Protein backbone atom coordinates (compact mmCIF):
# COMPACT_ATOMS: atom_id res chain seq x y z
CA MET A 1 -43.86 60.36 -10.26
CA ASN A 2 -42.65 63.79 -11.29
CA ALA A 3 -39.33 64.69 -12.92
CA GLY A 4 -37.69 65.62 -9.60
CA GLN A 5 -38.45 62.25 -8.12
CA TRP A 6 -37.04 60.48 -11.18
CA ARG A 7 -33.80 62.41 -10.84
CA LEU A 8 -33.49 61.48 -7.17
CA LEU A 9 -34.08 57.79 -8.01
CA ALA A 10 -31.45 57.83 -10.75
CA VAL A 11 -28.91 59.48 -8.45
CA GLY A 12 -29.63 56.88 -5.74
CA VAL A 13 -29.09 53.99 -8.16
CA LEU A 14 -25.83 55.53 -9.40
CA LEU A 15 -24.51 55.99 -5.85
CA ALA A 16 -25.43 52.37 -4.97
CA ASN A 17 -23.48 51.08 -8.03
CA ILE A 18 -20.44 53.20 -7.13
CA ALA A 19 -20.52 51.87 -3.54
CA LEU A 20 -20.72 48.26 -4.84
CA VAL A 21 -17.70 48.77 -7.12
CA PHE A 22 -15.66 50.21 -4.25
CA TRP A 23 -16.63 47.28 -2.00
CA ILE A 24 -15.59 44.70 -4.63
CA VAL A 25 -12.29 46.39 -5.50
CA LEU A 26 -11.09 47.72 -2.18
CA TRP A 27 -12.60 45.50 0.52
CA PRO A 28 -9.97 43.01 1.90
CA ARG A 29 -10.78 39.37 1.13
CA SER A 30 -9.24 36.01 1.96
CA GLY A 31 -7.30 34.79 -1.04
CA PRO A 32 -4.19 32.82 -1.85
CA GLU A 33 -2.00 35.26 0.06
CA THR A 34 -4.24 35.09 3.15
CA ALA A 35 -4.35 31.29 2.92
CA ASP A 36 -0.57 31.19 2.70
CA ARG A 37 -0.31 33.22 5.88
CA LEU A 38 -2.62 30.76 7.67
CA VAL A 39 -0.62 27.60 6.72
CA PRO A 40 2.30 27.04 9.11
CA PRO A 41 5.69 26.36 7.53
CA LEU A 42 6.82 22.70 7.26
CA ASP A 43 9.09 21.35 9.95
CA PRO A 44 12.60 21.27 8.39
CA ALA A 45 13.31 18.08 10.36
CA LEU A 46 10.72 16.12 8.38
CA PRO A 47 12.15 13.77 5.69
CA ARG A 48 11.89 15.04 2.15
CA LEU A 49 10.26 12.88 -0.50
CA GLU A 50 12.81 12.03 -3.16
CA LEU A 51 11.59 10.74 -6.49
CA VAL A 52 13.60 8.22 -8.43
CA ALA A 53 13.96 10.73 -11.23
CA GLU A 54 15.62 13.17 -8.82
CA ILE A 55 18.49 10.83 -7.96
CA SER A 56 21.61 12.31 -9.47
CA ASP A 57 23.97 10.53 -11.85
CA SER A 58 26.72 10.80 -9.25
CA GLU A 59 24.60 8.89 -6.72
CA ARG A 60 23.94 6.19 -9.30
CA ALA A 61 27.64 5.99 -10.03
CA GLN A 62 28.38 5.55 -6.33
CA ALA A 63 25.93 2.61 -6.31
CA GLY A 64 27.84 1.08 -9.20
CA GLY A 65 24.92 1.64 -11.56
CA GLN A 66 23.43 -1.73 -10.53
CA LEU A 67 20.78 -3.03 -8.15
CA CYS A 68 20.21 -6.50 -6.72
CA PHE A 69 16.93 -8.26 -5.97
CA SER A 70 15.71 -11.57 -4.61
CA ILE A 71 12.62 -13.56 -5.63
CA GLY A 72 11.21 -16.28 -3.40
CA PRO A 73 10.41 -18.52 -1.80
CA LEU A 74 9.75 -20.63 -4.90
CA PRO A 75 8.06 -23.99 -4.26
CA SER A 76 10.20 -26.38 -6.32
CA PRO A 77 13.41 -26.80 -8.35
CA ASP A 78 11.27 -26.61 -11.51
CA ALA A 79 9.89 -23.23 -10.46
CA LEU A 80 13.44 -22.07 -9.75
CA GLU A 81 14.62 -23.21 -13.18
CA ARG A 82 11.73 -21.41 -14.92
CA ALA A 83 12.54 -18.23 -12.99
CA GLU A 84 16.18 -18.40 -14.07
CA GLU A 85 15.15 -18.88 -17.71
CA ARG A 86 12.96 -15.77 -17.55
CA LEU A 87 15.64 -13.66 -15.89
CA ARG A 88 18.63 -14.76 -17.95
CA PRO A 89 18.13 -12.33 -20.91
CA PHE A 90 17.67 -9.35 -18.58
CA THR A 91 20.26 -9.75 -15.83
CA ALA A 92 23.97 -9.11 -15.52
CA SER A 93 24.27 -12.13 -13.22
CA PHE A 94 22.15 -14.25 -10.91
CA ARG A 95 22.51 -16.98 -8.31
CA SER A 96 20.17 -19.57 -6.80
CA ARG A 97 20.00 -20.79 -3.22
CA GLN A 98 17.94 -23.11 -1.03
CA THR A 99 16.64 -22.78 2.53
CA VAL A 100 14.52 -25.00 4.78
CA ALA A 101 11.37 -23.82 6.57
CA ASP A 102 9.34 -25.57 9.25
CA SER A 103 5.66 -25.91 8.42
CA GLU A 104 2.95 -26.80 10.93
CA LEU A 105 0.69 -29.54 9.59
CA GLY A 106 -1.65 -29.88 12.54
CA TRP A 107 -1.70 -31.74 15.87
CA THR A 108 -1.17 -35.32 16.98
CA VAL A 109 -3.02 -36.76 19.99
CA TYR A 110 -1.17 -39.78 21.38
CA LEU A 111 -0.78 -42.12 24.32
CA PRO A 112 2.80 -42.25 25.64
CA ALA A 113 4.47 -45.68 25.91
CA ALA A 114 7.93 -46.68 27.13
CA SER A 115 8.31 -49.61 24.69
CA ARG A 116 6.70 -51.40 21.77
CA ALA A 117 5.26 -53.99 24.16
CA GLU A 118 3.61 -51.27 26.25
CA ALA A 119 2.21 -49.70 23.08
CA ILE A 120 0.65 -53.03 22.04
CA GLY A 121 -0.91 -53.32 25.49
CA LEU A 122 -2.45 -49.86 25.10
CA THR A 123 -4.00 -50.82 21.77
CA ARG A 124 -5.71 -53.80 23.45
CA ASP A 125 -7.12 -51.46 26.09
CA LEU A 126 -8.41 -49.15 23.37
CA VAL A 127 -10.17 -52.01 21.58
CA GLU A 128 -11.81 -53.09 24.84
CA ARG A 129 -13.22 -49.56 25.24
CA GLY A 130 -14.63 -49.57 21.71
CA GLU A 131 -11.96 -47.34 20.13
CA GLU A 132 -10.85 -48.09 16.58
CA ASP A 133 -9.08 -44.90 15.39
CA PHE A 134 -5.48 -45.48 16.54
CA PHE A 135 -2.10 -46.82 15.37
CA VAL A 136 1.36 -47.44 16.79
CA ILE A 137 3.94 -44.90 15.56
CA THR A 138 6.93 -46.86 14.22
CA SER A 139 9.51 -44.12 13.54
CA GLY A 140 10.49 -40.56 14.35
CA PRO A 141 10.57 -38.72 17.67
CA LEU A 142 7.24 -40.32 18.74
CA GLU A 143 8.30 -43.90 17.96
CA ASN A 144 6.29 -46.52 19.95
CA MET A 145 3.69 -43.97 20.97
CA VAL A 146 0.07 -44.78 20.17
CA SER A 147 -1.55 -42.14 17.96
CA VAL A 148 -5.27 -41.72 18.57
CA GLY A 149 -5.85 -38.94 16.04
CA LEU A 150 -4.32 -36.42 13.61
CA PHE A 151 -6.11 -33.07 13.44
CA GLU A 152 -5.80 -29.80 11.55
CA SER A 153 -7.90 -27.96 14.14
CA ILE A 154 -6.54 -27.47 17.66
CA ASP A 155 -10.13 -27.50 19.01
CA ASN A 156 -10.78 -30.95 17.52
CA ALA A 157 -7.46 -32.19 18.88
CA ARG A 158 -8.30 -30.99 22.38
CA ALA A 159 -11.74 -32.59 22.21
CA ARG A 160 -10.13 -35.93 21.29
CA GLN A 161 -7.60 -35.55 24.10
CA ALA A 162 -10.41 -34.89 26.60
CA ARG A 163 -12.27 -38.00 25.46
CA MET A 164 -9.21 -40.20 25.89
CA GLN A 165 -8.65 -38.76 29.36
CA ARG A 166 -12.25 -39.53 30.32
CA LEU A 167 -11.60 -43.14 29.32
CA GLY A 168 -8.68 -43.20 31.75
CA PHE A 169 -5.72 -42.87 29.35
CA GLU A 170 -2.78 -40.56 29.83
CA THR A 171 -2.97 -38.45 26.69
CA ARG A 172 -0.65 -35.86 25.17
CA LEU A 173 -0.96 -33.32 22.40
CA GLU A 174 1.88 -32.32 20.07
CA VAL A 175 2.11 -30.11 17.00
CA ARG A 176 3.05 -31.86 13.75
CA ARG A 177 5.85 -30.17 11.82
CA GLU A 178 7.45 -30.80 8.46
CA SER A 179 10.65 -29.35 7.01
CA ILE A 180 9.93 -27.89 3.59
CA PRO A 181 12.67 -26.84 1.15
CA GLN A 182 12.33 -23.35 -0.31
CA PHE A 183 14.14 -21.96 -3.35
CA TRP A 184 15.31 -18.44 -4.13
CA VAL A 185 16.85 -16.67 -7.09
CA ASP A 186 18.93 -13.49 -6.60
CA TYR A 187 19.77 -11.34 -9.59
CA ARG A 188 21.72 -8.21 -10.48
CA ILE A 189 20.43 -5.64 -12.94
CA GLY A 190 21.30 -2.18 -14.19
CA SER A 191 19.61 0.63 -12.27
CA GLU A 192 17.87 1.77 -15.47
CA ASP A 193 16.87 -1.74 -16.61
CA ARG A 194 13.76 -3.81 -15.94
CA SER A 195 13.14 -7.51 -15.33
CA PRO A 196 10.08 -9.79 -15.72
CA TRP A 197 9.88 -10.44 -11.99
CA ARG A 198 6.10 -9.91 -11.84
CA PHE A 199 5.51 -12.97 -14.06
CA ILE A 200 7.66 -15.10 -11.74
CA VAL A 201 5.87 -13.93 -8.59
CA ARG A 202 2.43 -14.52 -10.12
CA ALA A 203 3.39 -18.09 -11.02
CA SER A 204 4.49 -18.85 -7.43
CA PRO A 205 1.86 -17.77 -4.84
CA GLY A 206 3.56 -16.62 -1.68
CA ALA A 207 6.75 -15.50 -3.44
CA GLN A 208 7.94 -11.91 -3.03
CA HIS A 209 10.30 -9.58 -4.87
CA ARG A 210 12.60 -7.49 -2.66
CA GLU A 211 15.79 -5.48 -3.01
CA ILE A 212 18.88 -6.92 -1.33
CA PRO A 213 22.53 -5.84 -0.97
CA CYS A 214 24.58 -6.83 -3.98
CA TRP A 215 27.03 -9.68 -3.55
CA ASP A 216 30.60 -10.09 -4.72
CA ASP A 217 31.01 -12.28 -7.78
């Protein structure tokens, strides 16, 4: 390759480098500004996330500087007493209360009877048919009825009912309920303070911690 060809090659390389620099510097590219133009503005009607730290002192003052919470249901008076002992050093005031909840225990399959004498007659009929799992109910809303089974599963209860009906007995199915007392502790605390509520909830499975309106002392 002679000297003239070398000069032409060098000039070509130089021109290619200059073109590359111009392309990098001047060619429009998608960047932050382009991306911003592609993202539509937020709807002003959407709710704005407000962090706890952003709540102003005036808003806290309007709330009285205090918050109220409830823990429950607690399973027993002892659990309630332990919860109060844990909360006492941390709270401005607290109160306890009790409610009653209905709990389903299962199903009763029974033979209806109008009197104790009729119930005794039904038990004789059951013995004659080879049945042994039964008893006469002596108290409550099903007094004098003849129970032929207590079941946790509705499928098992229906199977027992079907068997009694095949033997010729009028048979009914009724859910078994029990009233269970439940205990709650409500407490008031400063908006900047903390309480050991997590320990109380862990010790009572099923209990929850929720904010409630404050009450008048």
